[in-house]
Amino acid sequence: MEKHHFATFYDERSRIPVWSAYTIDEGNCTDTASETWKVELQLAGLSEANMEMEGKLLQDMKQKNRKENQSIKEKLKEKQAINEDYERTHYDRGHLNPNSFQCGQGRIATFTLTNAVPMNPCFNWYELERNLKTQLTNSCEKNQKGKPFLETGAVPNEKYKIPIKKDDKQRNIN
């Protein structure tokens, strides 16, 4: 039986996640992050499987023929970001569902490009994530016997912002 670790609202046209919803794994993870980014084959209609390393997929396809390999890469790129999109840019892949909030298979699942937005490297949130995880785990799980549920979203462009005043208006994503 397949387990789903989090939900993502994904904009195929822009090839970027809009938001991700997840719970925090309450365990102290001893496993390390995979750092091997994967693509979602089912978005491009290539497979019923969930995730695959893009490089492995293309390597496997090279055995078939170069033309088919390029076709698969183009199908992937029509619907989602691929590793090539981040090459020679000044951006990192920023997790919407942070890998530090997950353990085991849940952590591996965060390394899909449908969970990543372009992020300036100076905006690495590791310390904030670590502190937030501790705070939420302590207050929700220990005090309230609950489980923290979070939604994280991307800022799609400079016209959108987090409302900070009462007179700020809610803006919708097209």
C-alpha atoms as a PDB file:
ATOM      1  CA  MET A   1       0.000   0.000   0.000  1.00  0.00           C
ATOM      2  CA  GLU A   2       1.318   3.397  -0.954  1.00  0.00           C
ATOM      3  CA  LYS A   3       1.670   6.086   1.698  1.00  0.00           C
ATOM      4  CA  HIS A   4       1.225   9.766   0.942  1.00  0.00           C
ATOM      5  CA  HIS A   5       3.475  12.017   3.004  1.00  0.00           C
ATOM      6  CA  PHE A   6       2.105  15.480   2.139  1.00  0.00           C
ATOM      7  CA  ALA A   7      -0.126  17.320  -0.327  1.00  0.00           C
ATOM      8  CA  THR A   8       0.992  19.884  -2.891  1.00  0.00           C
ATOM      9  CA  PHE A   9      -1.126  22.214  -4.983  1.00  0.00           C
ATOM     10  CA  TYR A  10       0.925  22.376  -8.156  1.00  0.00           C
ATOM     11  CA  ASP A  11       0.668  24.821 -11.072  1.00  0.00           C
ATOM     12  CA  GLU A  12       1.631  22.798 -14.159  1.00  0.00           C
ATOM     13  CA  ARG A  13       1.484  25.857 -16.422  1.00  0.00           C
ATOM     14  CA  SER A  14       4.109  27.722 -14.379  1.00  0.00           C
ATOM     15  CA  ARG A  15       5.830  24.477 -13.352  1.00  0.00           C
ATOM     16  CA  ILE A  16       5.952  25.471  -9.696  1.00  0.00           C
ATOM     17  CA  PRO A  17       4.233  24.407  -6.464  1.00  0.00           C
ATOM     18  CA  VAL A  18       1.798  26.979  -5.089  1.00  0.00           C
ATOM     19  CA  TRP A  19       1.516  25.495  -1.601  1.00  0.00           C
ATOM     20  CA  SER A  20       2.243  22.365   0.358  1.00  0.00           C
ATOM     21  CA  ALA A  21       0.304  20.969   3.339  1.00  0.00           C
ATOM     22  CA  TYR A  22       1.956  18.616   5.796  1.00  0.00           C
ATOM     23  CA  THR A  23       2.341  17.508   9.381  1.00  0.00           C
ATOM     24  CA  ILE A  24       5.604  17.484  11.284  1.00  0.00           C
ATOM     25  CA  ASP A  25       7.151  14.099  11.993  1.00  0.00           C
ATOM     26  CA  GLU A  26       7.504  14.192  15.757  1.00  0.00           C
ATOM     27  CA  GLY A  27      10.485  11.840  15.857  1.00  0.00           C
ATOM     28  CA  ASN A  28      14.093  12.841  16.234  1.00  0.00           C
ATOM     29  CA  CYS A  29      15.389  11.887  12.823  1.00  0.00           C
ATOM     30  CA  THR A  30      18.749  10.216  12.654  1.00  0.00           C
ATOM     31  CA  ASP A  31      18.596   9.614   8.911  1.00  0.00           C
ATOM     32  CA  THR A  32      20.294  12.092   6.618  1.00  0.00           C
ATOM     33  CA  ALA A  33      18.672  13.994   3.796  1.00  0.00           C
ATOM     34  CA  SER A  34      18.922  12.334   0.382  1.00  0.00           C
ATOM     35  CA  GLU A  35      19.675  15.517  -1.585  1.00  0.00           C
ATOM     36  CA  THR A  36      18.865  13.605  -4.769  1.00  0.00           C
ATOM     37  CA  TRP A  37      16.055  15.507  -6.446  1.00  0.00           C
ATOM     38  CA  LYS A  38      13.342  13.537  -8.208  1.00  0.00           C
ATOM     39  CA  VAL A  39      10.658  14.221 -10.815  1.00  0.00           C
ATOM     40  CA  GLU A  40       7.002  13.138 -10.758  1.00  0.00           C
ATOM     41  CA  LEU A  41       6.516  10.791 -13.702  1.00  0.00           C
ATOM     42  CA  GLN A  42       2.721  10.718 -13.489  1.00  0.00           C
ATOM     43  CA  LEU A  43       2.481  14.487 -14.204  1.00  0.00           C
ATOM     44  CA  ALA A  44       3.901  13.858 -17.665  1.00  0.00           C
ATOM     45  CA  GLY A  45       1.825  10.710 -18.162  1.00  0.00           C
ATOM     46  CA  LEU A  46       4.961   8.557 -18.190  1.00  0.00           C
ATOM     47  CA  SER A  47       4.193   6.149 -15.379  1.00  0.00           C
ATOM     48  CA  GLU A  48       1.923   5.316 -12.493  1.00  0.00           C
ATOM     49  CA  ALA A  49       4.999   5.418 -10.259  1.00  0.00           C
ATOM     50  CA  ASN A  50       5.371   8.418  -8.015  1.00  0.00           C
ATOM     51  CA  MET A  51       8.942   9.657  -8.107  1.00  0.00           C
ATOM     52  CA  GLU A  52      12.100   8.866  -9.996  1.00  0.00           C
ATOM     53  CA  MET A  53      15.517  10.435 -10.117  1.00  0.00           C
ATOM     54  CA  GLU A  54      15.589  12.390 -13.366  1.00  0.00           C
ATOM     55  CA  GLY A  55      19.156  11.323 -14.182  1.00  0.00           C
ATOM     56  CA  LYS A  56      18.369   7.637 -13.607  1.00  0.00           C
ATOM     57  CA  LEU A  57      15.236   7.884 -15.735  1.00  0.00           C
ATOM     58  CA  LEU A  58      17.108   9.488 -18.624  1.00  0.00           C
ATOM     59  CA  GLN A  59      20.014   7.038 -18.262  1.00  0.00           C
ATOM     60  CA  ASP A  60      17.602   4.101 -18.432  1.00  0.00           C
ATOM     61  CA  MET A  61      15.979   5.664 -21.484  1.00  0.00           C
ATOM     62  CA  LYS A  62      19.338   6.128 -23.257  1.00  0.00           C
ATOM     63  CA  GLN A  63      19.384   2.396 -23.671  1.00  0.00           C
ATOM     64  CA  LYS A  64      16.276   2.709 -25.846  1.00  0.00           C
ATOM     65  CA  ASN A  65      17.243   5.553 -28.156  1.00  0.00           C
ATOM     66  CA  ARG A  66      18.299   9.199 -28.048  1.00  0.00           C
ATOM     67  CA  LYS A  67      15.150  10.524 -29.764  1.00  0.00           C
ATOM     68  CA  GLU A  68      12.849   8.843 -27.251  1.00  0.00           C
ATOM     69  CA  ASN A  69      15.071  10.085 -24.413  1.00  0.00           C
ATOM     70  CA  GLN A  70      14.690  13.706 -25.589  1.00  0.00           C
ATOM     71  CA  SER A  71      10.937  13.214 -25.945  1.00  0.00           C
ATOM     72  CA  ILE A  72      10.669  12.049 -22.327  1.00  0.00           C
ATOM     73  CA  LYS A  73      12.708  15.023 -21.120  1.00  0.00           C
ATOM     74  CA  GLU A  74      10.432  17.396 -23.056  1.00  0.00           C
ATOM     75  CA  LYS A  75       7.302  15.716 -21.636  1.00  0.00           C
ATOM     76  CA  LEU A  76       8.665  16.146 -18.126  1.00  0.00           C
ATOM     77  CA  LYS A  77       9.586  19.782 -18.769  1.00  0.00           C
ATOM     78  CA  GLU A  78       6.097  20.612 -20.082  1.00  0.00           C
ATOM     79  CA  LYS A  79       4.538  19.864 -16.694  1.00  0.00           C
ATOM     80  CA  GLN A  80       7.217  20.402 -14.046  1.00  0.00           C
ATOM     81  CA  ALA A  81      10.603  21.862 -13.279  1.00  0.00           C
ATOM     82  CA  ILE A  82      13.581  19.652 -14.005  1.00  0.00           C
ATOM     83  CA  ASN A  83      17.112  19.798 -12.596  1.00  0.00           C
ATOM     84  CA  GLU A  84      18.348  21.608 -15.708  1.00  0.00           C
ATOM     85  CA  ASP A  85      16.145  24.590 -14.763  1.00  0.00           C
ATOM     86  CA  TYR A  86      18.383  25.237 -11.740  1.00  0.00           C
ATOM     87  CA  GLU A  87      21.710  24.830 -13.532  1.00  0.00           C
ATOM     88  CA  ARG A  88      23.723  28.001 -14.106  1.00  0.00           C
ATOM     89  CA  THR A  89      21.280  30.088 -12.060  1.00  0.00           C
ATOM     90  CA  HIS A  90      21.797  31.805  -8.745  1.00  0.00           C
ATOM     91  CA  TYR A  91      18.925  29.885  -7.154  1.00  0.00           C
ATOM     92  CA  ASP A  92      18.697  26.873  -4.894  1.00  0.00           C
ATOM     93  CA  ARG A  93      15.802  24.440  -4.737  1.00  0.00           C
ATOM     94  CA  GLY A  94      13.789  25.606  -1.731  1.00  0.00           C
ATOM     95  CA  HIS A  95      11.592  23.011  -0.029  1.00  0.00           C
ATOM     96  CA  LEU A  96       8.004  24.054   0.672  1.00  0.00           C
ATOM     97  CA  ASN A  97       7.664  21.021   2.947  1.00  0.00           C
ATOM     98  CA  PRO A  98      11.051  21.183   4.685  1.00  0.00           C
ATOM     99  CA  ASN A  99      12.994  17.928   4.720  1.00  0.00           C
ATOM    100  CA  SER A 100      14.014  18.719   8.312  1.00  0.00           C
ATOM    101  CA  PHE A 101      10.341  18.334   9.356  1.00  0.00           C
ATOM    102  CA  GLN A 102      10.221  14.737   8.076  1.00  0.00           C
ATOM    103  CA  CYS A 103      11.940  11.403   8.739  1.00  0.00           C
ATOM    104  CA  GLY A 104      12.567   8.245   6.733  1.00  0.00           C
ATOM    105  CA  GLN A 105      10.454   7.879   3.582  1.00  0.00           C
ATOM    106  CA  GLY A 106       8.723  11.185   4.370  1.00  0.00           C
ATOM    107  CA  ARG A 107      12.078  12.959   4.190  1.00  0.00           C
ATOM    108  CA  ILE A 108      12.935  11.272   0.887  1.00  0.00           C
ATOM    109  CA  ALA A 109       9.531  12.350  -0.492  1.00  0.00           C
ATOM    110  CA  THR A 110      10.369  16.033   0.117  1.00  0.00           C
ATOM    111  CA  PHE A 111      13.128  15.827  -2.494  1.00  0.00           C
ATOM    112  CA  THR A 112      10.792  16.048  -5.465  1.00  0.00           C
ATOM    113  CA  LEU A 113      11.002  19.071  -7.745  1.00  0.00           C
ATOM    114  CA  THR A 114       7.244  19.525  -7.329  1.00  0.00           C
ATOM    115  CA  ASN A 115       8.038  20.452  -3.695  1.00  0.00           C
ATOM    116  CA  ALA A 116      10.715  22.993  -4.659  1.00  0.00           C
ATOM    117  CA  VAL A 117      10.613  26.671  -5.504  1.00  0.00           C
ATOM    118  CA  PRO A 118      13.536  28.791  -6.711  1.00  0.00           C
ATOM    119  CA  MET A 119      15.141  30.277  -3.595  1.00  0.00           C
ATOM    120  CA  ASN A 120      17.947  32.731  -3.090  1.00  0.00           C
ATOM    121  CA  PRO A 121      20.700  30.788  -1.261  1.00  0.00           C
ATOM    122  CA  CYS A 122      20.912  33.465   1.451  1.00  0.00           C
ATOM    123  CA  PHE A 123      17.310  32.597   2.433  1.00  0.00           C
ATOM    124  CA  ASN A 124      18.200  29.183   3.827  1.00  0.00           C
ATOM    125  CA  TRP A 125      15.670  28.613   6.607  1.00  0.00           C
ATOM    126  CA  TYR A 126      17.347  25.720   8.437  1.00  0.00           C
ATOM    127  CA  GLU A 127      17.722  27.462  11.833  1.00  0.00           C
ATOM    128  CA  LEU A 128      14.189  28.878  11.680  1.00  0.00           C
ATOM    129  CA  GLU A 129      12.821  25.454  10.697  1.00  0.00           C
ATOM    130  CA  ARG A 130      14.677  23.754  13.555  1.00  0.00           C
ATOM    131  CA  ASN A 131      13.357  26.241  16.122  1.00  0.00           C
ATOM    132  CA  LEU A 132       9.817  26.139  14.703  1.00  0.00           C
ATOM    133  CA  LYS A 133       9.777  22.332  14.748  1.00  0.00           C
ATOM    134  CA  THR A 134      10.847  22.325  18.408  1.00  0.00           C
ATOM    135  CA  GLN A 135       8.279  24.957  19.385  1.00  0.00           C
ATOM    136  CA  LEU A 136       5.396  23.336  17.540  1.00  0.00           C
ATOM    137  CA  THR A 137       6.265  19.852  18.712  1.00  0.00           C
ATOM    138  CA  ASN A 138       6.448  21.014  22.318  1.00  0.00           C
ATOM    139  CA  SER A 139       3.262  23.092  22.314  1.00  0.00           C
ATOM    140  CA  CYS A 140       1.024  20.981  20.072  1.00  0.00           C
ATOM    141  CA  GLU A 141       2.041  17.446  20.882  1.00  0.00           C
ATOM    142  CA  LYS A 142       3.052  17.627  24.514  1.00  0.00           C
ATOM    143  CA  ASN A 143       0.596  20.232  25.797  1.00  0.00           C
ATOM    144  CA  GLN A 144      -2.402  19.726  23.539  1.00  0.00           C
ATOM    145  CA  LYS A 145      -1.955  16.078  22.487  1.00  0.00           C
ATOM    146  CA  GLY A 146      -2.279  17.230  18.891  1.00  0.00           C
ATOM    147  CA  LYS A 147      -0.168  17.167  15.783  1.00  0.00           C
ATOM    148  CA  PRO A 148       1.054  20.353  14.056  1.00  0.00           C
ATOM    149  CA  PHE A 149      -0.424  20.835  10.574  1.00  0.00           C
ATOM    150  CA  LEU A 150       1.225  23.422   8.345  1.00  0.00           C
ATOM    151  CA  GLU A 151       0.729  24.982   4.940  1.00  0.00           C
ATOM    152  CA  THR A 152       3.624  26.669   3.207  1.00  0.00           C
ATOM    153  CA  GLY A 153       3.290  28.661   0.020  1.00  0.00           C
ATOM    154  CA  ALA A 154       5.396  30.391  -2.566  1.00  0.00           C
ATOM    155  CA  VAL A 155       5.288  34.057  -3.499  1.00  0.00           C
ATOM    156  CA  PRO A 156       4.607  33.765  -7.249  1.00  0.00           C
ATOM    157  CA  ASN A 157       5.873  37.215  -8.218  1.00  0.00           C
ATOM    158  CA  GLU A 158       6.591  40.695  -6.905  1.00  0.00           C
ATOM    159  CA  LYS A 159       2.904  41.743  -7.128  1.00  0.00           C
ATOM    160  CA  TYR A 160       1.938  39.360  -4.329  1.00  0.00           C
ATOM    161  CA  LYS A 161       2.829  39.800  -0.693  1.00  0.00           C
ATOM    162  CA  ILE A 162       1.850  38.686   2.743  1.00  0.00           C
ATOM    163  CA  PRO A 163      -0.846  41.090   3.998  1.00  0.00           C
ATOM    164  CA  ILE A 164       0.502  43.111   6.893  1.00  0.00           C
ATOM    165  CA  LYS A 165      -2.149  45.798   7.385  1.00  0.00           C
ATOM    166  CA  LYS A 166      -5.896  45.710   7.785  1.00  0.00           C
ATOM    167  CA  ASP A 167      -6.362  47.638   4.540  1.00  0.00           C
ATOM    168  CA  ASP A 168      -4.213  45.228   2.503  1.00  0.00           C
ATOM    169  CA  LYS A 169      -6.367  43.268   0.103  1.00  0.00           C
ATOM    170  CA  GLN A 170      -6.262  39.547  -0.485  1.00  0.00           C
ATOM    171  CA  ARG A 171      -4.900  38.797  -3.952  1.00  0.00           C
ATOM    172  CA  ASN A 172      -5.716  35.634  -5.807  1.00  0.00           C
ATOM    173  CA  ILE A 173      -3.444  33.524  -7.953  1.00  0.00           C
ATOM    174  CA  ASN A 174      -4.699  33.331 -11.523  1.00  0.00           C
END
